[in-house]
N, C-alpha and C. Protein backbone atom coordinates (compact mmCIF):
# COMPACT_ATOMS: atom_id res chain seq x y z
N UNK A 1 90.86 124.45 76.45
CA UNK A 1 91.76 123.94 75.40
C UNK A 1 90.80 123.26 74.72
N UNK A 2 90.12 121.97 75.32
CA UNK A 2 88.97 121.69 74.25
C UNK A 2 87.93 121.70 74.79
N UNK A 3 86.68 122.03 73.89
CA UNK A 3 85.97 122.47 73.61
C UNK A 3 84.14 121.28 74.69
N UNK A 4 84.93 120.20 75.19
CA UNK A 4 84.09 118.81 75.26
C UNK A 4 84.68 118.98 77.04
N UNK A 5 83.52 118.25 77.49
CA UNK A 5 83.14 117.20 78.81
C UNK A 5 84.17 115.86 78.04
N UNK A 6 85.06 115.68 78.49
CA UNK A 6 85.50 114.20 78.15
C UNK A 6 84.69 113.02 79.01
N UNK A 7 84.46 113.35 80.13
CA UNK A 7 83.37 112.53 80.95
C UNK A 7 83.02 112.39 80.56
N UNK A 8 81.62 113.08 80.15
CA UNK A 8 80.19 113.09 79.80
C UNK A 8 79.74 112.64 77.96
N UNK A 9 80.91 113.50 77.25
CA UNK A 9 80.81 113.13 75.95
C UNK A 9 80.05 111.30 75.89
N UNK A 10 79.18 111.08 74.66
CA UNK A 10 78.85 110.33 74.19
C UNK A 10 79.75 109.02 73.89
N UNK A 11 79.68 108.24 73.76
CA UNK A 11 80.81 107.25 72.85
C UNK A 11 80.96 108.08 71.35
N UNK A 12 82.43 108.26 71.74
CA UNK A 12 83.05 108.13 70.02
C UNK A 12 82.48 107.96 68.43
N UNK A 13 82.54 106.65 69.08
CA UNK A 13 82.13 105.30 67.86
C UNK A 13 81.15 104.56 68.40
N UNK A 14 79.77 105.02 68.23
CA UNK A 14 78.41 104.69 69.08
C UNK A 14 78.09 103.33 68.07
N UNK A 15 78.32 103.37 66.40
CA UNK A 15 78.55 101.84 65.88
C UNK A 15 79.09 101.14 66.71
N UNK A 16 79.95 100.95 67.57
CA UNK A 16 81.16 100.00 67.94
C UNK A 16 82.59 99.24 67.12
N UNK A 17 83.44 99.05 67.84
CA UNK A 17 84.27 98.89 66.94
C UNK A 17 84.33 98.67 65.60
N UNK A 18 83.24 96.94 65.31
CA UNK A 18 83.36 96.31 64.23
C UNK A 18 82.88 97.00 63.35
N UNK A 19 81.52 97.72 63.60
CA UNK A 19 81.09 98.99 62.56
C UNK A 19 81.67 100.31 62.04
N UNK A 20 82.42 100.50 62.83
CA UNK A 20 83.50 101.72 62.48
C UNK A 20 84.41 101.04 61.80
N UNK A 21 85.33 99.42 61.74
CA UNK A 21 86.30 99.19 61.23
C UNK A 21 85.88 98.98 59.58
N UNK A 22 84.73 98.17 59.87
CA UNK A 22 83.93 97.88 58.30
C UNK A 22 83.49 99.08 57.23
N UNK A 23 83.40 100.06 58.21
CA UNK A 23 83.19 102.00 57.36
C UNK A 23 84.24 102.53 57.39
N UNK A 24 85.32 101.90 57.61
CA UNK A 24 87.00 102.86 57.61
C UNK A 24 87.06 103.00 56.41
N UNK A 25 87.78 103.98 55.98
CA UNK A 25 89.04 104.18 54.88
C UNK A 25 90.14 102.88 54.56
N UNK A 26 89.40 102.27 53.50
CA UNK A 26 90.72 101.58 53.71
C UNK A 26 91.95 101.43 53.70
N UNK A 27 92.61 103.07 53.49
CA UNK A 27 94.03 102.94 54.56
C UNK A 27 94.46 103.18 55.48
N UNK A 28 93.74 103.62 56.13
CA UNK A 28 93.14 103.60 57.33
C UNK A 28 93.35 101.80 58.33
N UNK A 29 92.38 100.65 57.56
CA UNK A 29 92.60 99.30 58.07
C UNK A 29 93.42 98.94 57.54
N UNK A 30 94.13 99.42 56.25
CA UNK A 30 95.66 98.36 56.26
C UNK A 30 96.34 99.12 56.71
N UNK A 31 96.67 100.89 57.89
CA UNK A 31 97.81 101.10 58.27
C UNK A 31 97.38 100.04 59.59
N UNK A 32 95.81 100.52 60.05
CA UNK A 32 95.79 99.35 61.47
C UNK A 32 96.44 97.88 61.47
N UNK A 33 96.11 97.38 60.19
CA UNK A 33 96.69 95.98 59.92
C UNK A 33 97.99 96.05 59.94
N UNK A 34 98.80 96.75 59.49
CA UNK A 34 99.82 96.33 59.13
C UNK A 34 100.75 97.23 60.11
N UNK A 35 100.83 97.74 61.06
CA UNK A 35 101.21 98.65 62.04
C UNK A 35 101.13 98.70 63.45
N UNK A 36 99.68 98.56 63.46
CA UNK A 36 98.79 98.42 65.03
C UNK A 36 97.47 99.90 65.15
N UNK A 37 98.44 100.95 64.10
CA UNK A 37 98.14 102.23 64.54
C UNK A 37 97.56 102.81 63.18
N UNK A 38 96.53 103.92 63.64
CA UNK A 38 96.64 104.69 62.40
C UNK A 38 95.52 106.02 62.82
N UNK A 39 95.76 107.20 61.56
CA UNK A 39 95.72 108.69 61.83
C UNK A 39 94.53 108.67 60.48
N UNK A 40 93.48 108.37 61.36
CA UNK A 40 92.32 108.59 60.46
C UNK A 40 91.71 110.52 59.85
N UNK A 41 92.66 111.36 61.51
CA UNK A 41 91.77 112.85 60.63
C UNK A 41 91.11 113.64 61.41
N UNK A 42 90.90 114.95 61.88
CA UNK A 42 90.22 115.36 62.62
C UNK A 42 89.09 115.70 62.48
N UNK A 43 88.02 114.46 61.30
CA UNK A 43 86.87 114.08 61.14
C UNK A 43 86.57 113.38 62.53
N UNK A 44 87.29 112.60 63.52
CA UNK A 44 87.22 111.06 64.40
C UNK A 44 86.22 111.61 65.39
N UNK A 45 86.89 113.38 65.56
CA UNK A 45 86.23 113.97 66.60
C UNK A 45 85.52 115.13 66.90
N UNK A 46 84.64 115.02 65.75
CA UNK A 46 84.05 116.62 65.51
C UNK A 46 83.51 117.08 66.25
N UNK A 47 83.50 115.88 67.74
CA UNK A 47 82.24 116.96 68.72
C UNK A 47 82.76 117.39 69.70
N UNK A 48 85.00 117.23 69.63
CA UNK A 48 85.92 117.79 70.18
C UNK A 48 87.02 118.74 69.43
N UNK A 49 87.09 119.24 69.49
CA UNK A 49 88.00 120.79 68.90
C UNK A 49 88.36 120.81 69.89
N UNK A 50 89.97 120.66 69.40
CA UNK A 50 90.69 120.42 70.07
C UNK A 50 92.32 119.22 69.95
N UNK A 51 91.53 118.05 69.59
CA UNK A 51 91.70 117.29 70.41
C UNK A 51 92.57 116.77 68.51
N UNK A 52 93.72 116.18 69.11
CA UNK A 52 94.56 115.36 68.06
C UNK A 52 94.15 114.30 68.84
N UNK A 53 94.07 112.92 67.15
CA UNK A 53 93.72 111.56 67.70
C UNK A 53 94.45 111.09 66.53
N UNK A 54 94.21 109.44 66.83
CA UNK A 54 94.64 108.28 66.09
C UNK A 54 93.59 106.85 66.77
N UNK A 55 93.63 105.98 66.40
CA UNK A 55 93.49 104.50 66.90
C UNK A 55 94.77 103.91 66.54
N UNK A 56 94.26 102.91 67.72
CA UNK A 56 95.41 101.23 67.69
C UNK A 56 94.39 99.71 67.79
N UNK A 57 95.08 99.45 66.97
CA UNK A 57 93.96 97.97 66.20
C UNK A 57 94.82 97.08 67.87
N UNK A 58 94.51 96.43 68.92
CA UNK A 58 95.11 95.65 70.35
C UNK A 58 94.57 93.72 69.44
N UNK A 59 95.78 93.25 69.55
CA UNK A 59 95.25 91.72 68.88
C UNK A 59 95.03 91.03 71.04
N UNK A 60 94.63 92.09 71.76
CA UNK A 60 94.08 91.55 73.54
C UNK A 60 92.67 92.01 73.51
N UNK A 61 92.22 91.52 74.12
CA UNK A 61 90.77 91.88 75.04
C UNK A 61 90.77 93.26 75.86
N UNK A 62 89.57 94.07 75.89
CA UNK A 62 89.50 95.55 76.18
C UNK A 62 89.97 95.76 77.41
N UNK A 63 89.36 94.47 78.56
CA UNK A 63 89.27 95.03 79.75
C UNK A 63 91.05 95.12 80.50
N UNK A 64 92.11 93.69 79.78
CA UNK A 64 93.10 94.24 80.43
C UNK A 64 93.95 95.22 80.48
N UNK A 65 94.05 95.60 78.94
CA UNK A 65 94.74 97.14 78.13
C UNK A 65 93.94 98.28 78.62
N UNK A 66 92.84 98.14 79.86
CA UNK A 66 91.87 98.98 80.70
C UNK A 66 92.53 98.77 81.83
N UNK A 67 92.96 97.78 82.26
CA UNK A 67 93.02 97.51 83.72
C UNK A 67 94.62 98.20 83.60
N UNK A 68 95.79 97.75 82.45
CA UNK A 68 96.95 98.01 82.48
C UNK A 68 97.09 99.53 82.51
N UNK A 69 96.47 100.88 81.37
CA UNK A 69 96.40 101.87 81.75
C UNK A 69 96.05 102.33 83.03
N UNK A 70 95.68 102.01 84.35
CA UNK A 70 95.08 103.03 85.18
C UNK A 70 96.40 102.71 86.16
N UNK A 71 97.69 101.76 85.66
CA UNK A 71 98.80 102.15 86.37
C UNK A 71 99.23 103.68 85.59
N UNK A 72 98.77 104.56 86.29
CA UNK A 72 99.29 105.63 85.50
C UNK A 72 100.77 105.86 85.65
N UNK A 73 100.87 105.77 86.69
CA UNK A 73 102.82 105.69 87.49
C UNK A 73 103.46 105.11 86.43
N UNK A 74 103.38 104.49 85.37
CA UNK A 74 103.54 103.75 84.76
C UNK A 74 104.34 104.37 83.33
N UNK A 75 103.67 105.12 83.29
CA UNK A 75 103.51 106.28 81.63
C UNK A 75 104.76 106.64 81.49
N UNK A 76 105.93 106.95 82.33
CA UNK A 76 106.95 107.47 81.55
C UNK A 76 107.54 106.35 80.99
N UNK A 77 107.39 105.04 81.72
CA UNK A 77 108.33 103.86 80.85
C UNK A 77 108.07 104.31 79.30
N UNK A 78 107.08 104.31 78.93
CA UNK A 78 106.61 104.53 77.39
C UNK A 78 106.80 105.56 76.51
N UNK A 79 106.25 107.02 77.27
CA UNK A 79 106.25 107.84 76.91
C UNK A 79 107.91 108.33 76.81
N UNK A 80 108.31 108.42 76.07
CA UNK A 80 109.52 109.49 75.57
C UNK A 80 109.74 110.66 75.54
N UNK A 81 108.67 111.37 76.45
CA UNK A 81 108.89 112.64 76.63
C UNK A 81 108.56 113.14 77.98
N UNK A 82 108.01 111.68 78.70
CA UNK A 82 107.75 111.84 79.79
C UNK A 82 109.86 112.13 80.35
N UNK A 83 110.04 113.15 81.61
CA UNK A 83 111.95 112.66 81.62
C UNK A 83 111.16 111.81 82.97
N UNK A 84 109.86 111.84 83.71
CA UNK A 84 108.90 111.79 85.15
C UNK A 84 108.31 111.42 85.09
N UNK A 85 107.04 110.41 86.24
CA UNK A 85 106.42 110.71 86.63
C UNK A 85 105.79 109.50 87.76
N UNK A 86 105.30 110.05 89.27
CA UNK A 86 104.97 110.06 90.02
C UNK A 86 104.00 109.75 90.86
N UNK A 87 103.22 109.52 91.24
CA UNK A 87 102.34 108.92 91.87
C UNK A 87 102.04 110.10 93.04
N UNK A 88 100.78 111.01 93.22
CA UNK A 88 100.73 112.12 94.19
C UNK A 88 99.54 111.53 94.73
N UNK A 89 98.37 110.67 94.47
CA UNK A 89 97.38 110.88 95.18
C UNK A 89 96.36 109.62 94.30
N UNK A 90 95.63 108.41 95.12
CA UNK A 90 95.21 107.80 94.60
C UNK A 90 94.00 107.26 95.11
N UNK A 91 92.72 107.77 94.21
CA UNK A 91 90.95 107.54 94.79
C UNK A 91 90.74 106.27 94.37
N UNK A 92 89.08 105.71 94.67
CA UNK A 92 88.81 104.71 93.72
C UNK A 92 88.33 104.98 92.48
N UNK A 93 88.31 106.29 91.57
CA UNK A 93 87.70 106.41 90.66
C UNK A 93 89.28 107.89 90.32
N UNK A 94 90.15 107.75 90.47
CA UNK A 94 90.99 109.00 89.96
C UNK A 94 92.50 108.35 90.52
N UNK A 95 93.17 109.37 89.63
CA UNK A 95 94.82 109.08 90.40
C UNK A 95 95.06 110.71 90.02
N UNK A 96 96.47 111.40 90.83
CA UNK A 96 96.66 112.43 90.39
C UNK A 96 97.98 111.82 90.14
N UNK A 97 98.93 112.21 89.12
CA UNK A 97 100.27 112.19 89.29
C UNK A 97 100.76 113.26 88.59
N UNK A 98 102.20 113.16 89.26
CA UNK A 98 103.15 114.26 89.00
C UNK A 98 103.77 114.38 87.90
N UNK A 99 104.09 114.68 86.43
CA UNK A 99 104.81 114.40 85.41
C UNK A 99 105.74 115.36 85.36
N UNK A 100 106.97 115.66 85.03
CA UNK A 100 107.73 116.66 84.31
C UNK A 100 108.56 115.89 82.63
N UNK A 101 108.29 117.17 82.18
CA UNK A 101 108.97 116.90 80.66
C UNK A 101 110.10 118.11 80.91
N UNK A 102 111.08 117.71 79.55
CA UNK A 102 111.48 118.84 78.99
C UNK A 102 110.97 119.18 77.60
N UNK A 103 111.62 120.12 77.07
CA UNK A 103 110.96 121.59 75.90
C UNK A 103 111.62 121.96 76.02
N UNK A 104 112.68 122.08 74.89
CA UNK A 104 113.47 123.33 74.51
C UNK A 104 114.35 124.09 75.90
N UNK A 105 115.16 122.99 76.50
CA UNK A 105 116.28 122.79 77.22
C UNK A 105 115.90 123.10 78.87
N UNK A 106 113.75 123.36 79.38
CA UNK A 106 113.41 124.08 80.11
C UNK A 106 112.74 122.56 80.89
N UNK A 107 112.42 122.73 81.86
CA UNK A 107 112.01 121.07 82.54
C UNK A 107 110.65 121.93 82.99
N UNK A 108 109.09 121.24 82.50
CA UNK A 108 107.99 121.83 82.84
C UNK A 108 107.59 121.01 84.11
N UNK A 109 106.73 121.57 84.53
CA UNK A 109 106.53 119.94 86.07
C UNK A 109 104.52 120.39 85.85
N UNK A 110 103.73 119.03 85.74
CA UNK A 110 102.29 119.58 85.45
C UNK A 110 102.48 118.72 86.45
N UNK A 111 100.89 118.07 87.08
CA UNK A 111 100.11 117.20 87.29
C UNK A 111 98.53 116.90 86.96
N UNK A 112 98.52 116.06 87.07
CA UNK A 112 97.85 115.11 86.02
C UNK A 112 96.50 114.56 86.79
N UNK A 113 95.19 115.03 86.82
CA UNK A 113 94.49 114.05 87.60
C UNK A 113 93.32 113.05 85.74
N UNK A 114 93.53 112.18 86.38
CA UNK A 114 93.28 110.80 85.48
C UNK A 114 91.61 110.48 86.30
N UNK A 115 91.09 110.04 85.58
CA UNK A 115 89.64 110.41 86.04
C UNK A 115 88.88 108.46 84.69
N UNK A 116 87.73 107.61 85.28
CA UNK A 116 87.94 106.53 84.25
C UNK A 116 86.75 105.79 85.05
N UNK A 117 85.90 105.48 83.50
CA UNK A 117 84.48 104.83 83.50
C UNK A 117 84.76 103.25 83.48
N UNK A 118 84.61 101.66 84.17
CA UNK A 118 84.94 100.48 83.32
C UNK A 118 84.23 100.53 82.76
N UNK A 119 82.96 100.86 82.87
CA UNK A 119 81.50 100.78 82.49
C UNK A 119 81.27 101.20 81.08
N UNK A 120 82.09 102.02 80.46
CA UNK A 120 82.60 102.80 79.42
C UNK A 120 83.96 102.05 78.74
N UNK A 121 84.35 102.28 79.04
CA UNK A 121 86.51 101.33 78.67
C UNK A 121 86.72 103.00 78.36
N UNK A 122 86.38 103.37 79.09
CA UNK A 122 87.02 105.53 78.94
C UNK A 122 87.92 106.21 80.01
N UNK A 123 89.24 106.17 79.68
CA UNK A 123 89.85 107.35 81.32
C UNK A 123 90.43 107.95 80.28
N UNK A 124 89.66 109.40 81.15
CA UNK A 124 90.49 110.53 80.45
C UNK A 124 90.56 111.35 81.55
N UNK A 125 92.16 112.23 81.17
CA UNK A 125 92.45 113.10 82.08
C UNK A 125 92.71 114.57 81.74
N UNK A 126 93.48 115.83 82.07
CA UNK A 126 92.61 116.68 82.63
C UNK A 126 94.29 117.25 83.48
N UNK A 127 94.76 118.80 83.62
CA UNK A 127 95.43 119.14 84.65
C UNK A 127 94.59 118.64 85.92
N UNK A 128 95.14 119.00 87.15
CA UNK A 128 94.88 119.38 88.27
C UNK A 128 94.33 120.20 89.23
N UNK A 129 92.83 120.16 89.17
CA UNK A 129 93.14 121.64 90.13
C UNK A 129 93.10 122.11 91.25
N UNK A 130 93.58 121.37 91.37
CA UNK A 130 94.17 121.43 92.93
C UNK A 130 95.88 121.22 92.94
N UNK A 131 96.38 121.34 92.00
CA UNK A 131 97.87 122.02 91.88
C UNK A 131 98.39 122.59 91.14
N UNK A 132 99.23 123.01 91.20
CA UNK A 132 100.65 124.39 90.35
C UNK A 132 101.04 123.38 89.03
N UNK A 133 100.70 123.68 87.94
CA UNK A 133 101.18 123.06 86.90
C UNK A 133 102.01 124.39 86.17
N UNK A 134 102.84 123.93 85.47
CA UNK A 134 103.50 124.78 84.09
C UNK A 134 102.93 124.90 83.10
N UNK A 135 102.20 123.38 82.47
CA UNK A 135 101.34 123.61 81.27
C UNK A 135 100.28 124.62 81.62
N UNK A 136 99.71 125.32 80.49
CA UNK A 136 98.26 126.10 80.20
C UNK A 136 97.40 124.73 80.16
N UNK A 137 97.13 124.27 80.04
CA UNK A 137 96.30 122.86 79.72
C UNK A 137 95.78 121.71 78.68
N UNK A 138 96.19 120.78 79.32
CA UNK A 138 96.31 119.29 78.97
C UNK A 138 94.77 118.82 79.25
N UNK A 139 94.62 117.81 77.95
CA UNK A 139 93.29 116.82 78.38
C UNK A 139 93.56 115.77 77.17
N UNK A 140 93.06 114.97 77.66
CA UNK A 140 92.96 113.66 77.14
C UNK A 140 92.42 112.70 77.57
N UNK A 141 92.13 111.14 76.68
CA UNK A 141 91.32 109.94 76.47
C UNK A 141 92.06 109.05 75.79
N UNK A 142 91.24 107.75 76.39
CA UNK A 142 91.21 106.71 75.85
C UNK A 142 90.09 106.17 75.65
N UNK A 143 89.85 105.83 74.28
CA UNK A 143 88.26 104.91 74.36
C UNK A 143 88.60 103.65 73.97
N UNK A 144 88.07 103.09 74.77
CA UNK A 144 87.96 101.12 74.23
C UNK A 144 86.90 100.16 73.69
N UNK A 145 87.03 99.33 72.36
CA UNK A 145 85.88 98.88 72.00
C UNK A 145 86.26 97.53 71.64
N UNK A 146 85.84 96.70 72.51
CA UNK A 146 86.16 94.86 72.40
C UNK A 146 85.34 95.33 70.56
N UNK A 147 86.04 93.87 70.00
CA UNK A 147 86.37 93.49 68.55
C UNK A 147 85.59 92.13 68.66
N UNK A 148 84.69 91.49 68.00
CA UNK A 148 84.15 90.42 67.94
C UNK A 148 85.30 89.23 67.85
N UNK A 149 86.49 89.37 67.25
CA UNK A 149 87.10 88.45 66.81
C UNK A 149 87.84 88.46 68.47
N UNK A 150 87.75 89.06 69.49
CA UNK A 150 88.78 89.08 70.79
C UNK A 150 89.03 90.34 70.57
N UNK A 151 90.09 91.04 69.91
CA UNK A 151 91.07 92.10 69.83
C UNK A 151 90.24 93.34 70.45
N UNK A 152 90.88 94.03 70.24
CA UNK A 152 90.17 96.20 70.75
C UNK A 152 90.36 96.71 70.11
N UNK A 153 89.62 97.91 69.80
CA UNK A 153 89.73 99.07 68.89
C UNK A 153 90.15 100.51 70.00
N UNK A 154 91.36 100.92 69.71
CA UNK A 154 91.44 101.95 71.32
C UNK A 154 91.46 102.76 70.46
N UNK A 155 90.69 104.45 70.76
CA UNK A 155 90.87 105.54 70.62
C UNK A 155 91.60 106.53 71.54
N UNK A 156 92.63 107.05 70.95
CA UNK A 156 93.60 107.88 72.04
C UNK A 156 93.03 108.75 71.39
N UNK A 157 93.67 110.42 72.29
CA UNK A 157 92.82 111.59 71.66
C UNK A 157 93.76 112.56 72.84
N UNK A 158 94.04 113.34 72.54
CA UNK A 158 95.02 114.15 73.29
C UNK A 158 95.13 115.78 72.75
N UNK A 159 95.28 116.51 74.08
CA UNK A 159 95.44 118.06 73.79
C UNK A 159 96.67 119.43 74.67
N UNK A 160 97.57 119.75 74.24
CA UNK A 160 98.60 119.98 74.97
C UNK A 160 98.56 121.63 74.87
N UNK A 161 98.36 122.68 75.73
CA UNK A 161 99.31 123.83 75.44
C UNK A 161 100.48 123.78 76.65
N UNK A 162 101.36 124.14 75.85
CA UNK A 162 102.62 125.02 77.17
C UNK A 162 102.56 125.52 76.86
N UNK A 163 102.02 126.93 76.98
CA UNK A 163 101.55 128.53 76.88
C UNK A 163 102.39 128.70 76.05
N UNK A 164 103.53 130.11 76.73
CA UNK A 164 104.24 131.47 75.80
C UNK A 164 105.42 130.68 75.31
N UNK A 165 105.87 129.81 76.28
CA UNK A 165 107.22 129.41 76.28
C UNK A 165 107.54 128.76 74.38
N UNK A 166 106.33 128.12 74.26
CA UNK A 166 106.57 128.11 72.20
C UNK A 166 105.43 127.89 71.49
N UNK A 167 105.88 129.22 70.46
CA UNK A 167 104.25 129.25 69.72
C UNK A 167 103.36 128.40 69.56
N UNK A 168 102.20 129.06 69.41
CA UNK A 168 101.30 128.21 69.06
C UNK A 168 101.15 127.32 67.58
N UNK A 169 101.90 127.56 66.99
CA UNK A 169 101.85 126.65 66.02
C UNK A 169 103.40 125.77 65.73
N UNK A 170 104.05 125.74 66.18
CA UNK A 170 105.08 124.62 66.70
C UNK A 170 104.18 123.90 67.55
N UNK A 171 103.98 124.47 68.23
CA UNK A 171 103.27 123.28 69.34
C UNK A 171 102.01 122.56 69.34
N UNK A 172 101.32 123.11 68.33
CA UNK A 172 100.07 122.18 66.58
C UNK A 172 101.20 121.37 65.67
N UNK A 173 102.39 121.51 66.11
CA UNK A 173 103.24 120.34 65.17
C UNK A 173 103.90 119.07 66.22
N UNK A 174 104.39 119.53 67.14
CA UNK A 174 104.83 118.80 68.44
C UNK A 174 103.40 117.93 68.87
N UNK A 175 101.88 118.65 68.83
CA UNK A 175 101.09 118.04 69.64
C UNK A 175 100.98 116.71 68.10
N UNK A 176 101.39 116.63 67.28
CA UNK A 176 100.96 115.52 65.99
C UNK A 176 101.37 114.76 66.08
N UNK A 177 103.23 115.22 66.26
CA UNK A 177 104.23 114.26 66.20
C UNK A 177 104.34 114.03 67.64
N UNK A 178 103.89 114.40 68.65
CA UNK A 178 103.87 113.75 69.82
C UNK A 178 102.39 112.59 70.48
N UNK A 179 101.36 112.77 69.43
CA UNK A 179 100.29 112.26 69.68
C UNK A 179 100.89 110.72 68.55
N UNK A 180 101.95 111.12 67.96
CA UNK A 180 101.63 109.83 67.30
C UNK A 180 102.68 109.12 67.52
N UNK A 181 103.92 109.29 67.90
CA UNK A 181 104.68 108.90 69.28
C UNK A 181 104.21 108.09 69.68
N UNK A 182 103.24 108.92 70.93
CA UNK A 182 103.07 108.55 71.94
C UNK A 182 101.92 107.08 71.27
N UNK A 183 100.88 106.95 70.53
CA UNK A 183 100.57 105.95 69.88
C UNK A 183 101.33 104.47 70.22
N UNK A 184 102.12 105.72 69.22
CA UNK A 184 102.83 103.88 68.72
C UNK A 184 103.17 103.13 70.28
N UNK A 185 104.14 104.33 70.46
CA UNK A 185 104.60 103.35 71.81
C UNK A 185 103.79 102.74 72.81
N UNK A 186 102.51 103.33 73.37
CA UNK A 186 101.89 102.54 73.94
C UNK A 186 101.07 101.50 73.71
N UNK A 187 100.62 101.77 71.87
CA UNK A 187 100.72 100.29 71.24
C UNK A 187 101.21 99.38 71.19
N UNK A 188 102.66 98.84 71.58
CA UNK A 188 103.51 98.52 71.32
C UNK A 188 103.99 98.02 73.59
N UNK A 189 103.94 98.72 73.76
CA UNK A 189 103.63 98.32 75.63
C UNK A 189 102.67 98.23 76.25
N UNK A 190 101.60 98.17 75.41
CA UNK A 190 100.44 97.84 75.83
C UNK A 190 99.97 95.39 75.25
N UNK A 191 100.72 95.94 73.93
CA UNK A 191 101.11 94.51 73.18
C UNK A 191 102.05 93.38 74.06
N UNK A 192 102.61 93.91 74.68
CA UNK A 192 103.57 93.35 75.14
C UNK A 192 103.47 93.02 76.69
N UNK A 193 102.76 94.36 77.79
CA UNK A 193 102.31 93.79 78.84
C UNK A 193 100.98 93.28 79.18
N UNK A 194 100.21 93.50 78.34
CA UNK A 194 98.69 93.02 78.46
C UNK A 194 98.33 91.41 78.17
N UNK A 195 99.73 90.41 78.07
CA UNK A 195 99.05 89.56 77.03
C UNK A 195 99.36 88.53 78.44
């Protein structure tokens, strides 16, 4: 579904968080400063078509955020769409979780493999290849950029294909809405938990 390898794609903001903020559209910076999140549009991820994306501005350093998000079994606490999350396996550089969502009165179960690079402050996920999932595709990532004043700029992107039960056009609109809701929820949770 996504046309790039999320594990090996170079840093999305190679200039770093501070330089990106200095060059960003003023409306994006205003949104980040007032709400903590912004949605600059598809140009942000030109090299990875298919992903909806947003950015978040955190008042805490990147390392605690990164460590907190590695507790993938807690994501159901944050994302309202998730009915359940259960850790299936834990390895040194990856976790596999079982997720359950409900869409149009249907229960959808899928298995997500989360991988990460501590050096790059990137966490990425996709459907676990060794497990049966009701979704057709799932991809996404978080990438963090420490800021000079001590905060963090986070880039969040995701793509979901639930298959034929939801028409493509409706699915794309739901993905954008769910991404916005999820990013706002993650932002609030991280600000509360990472302090």
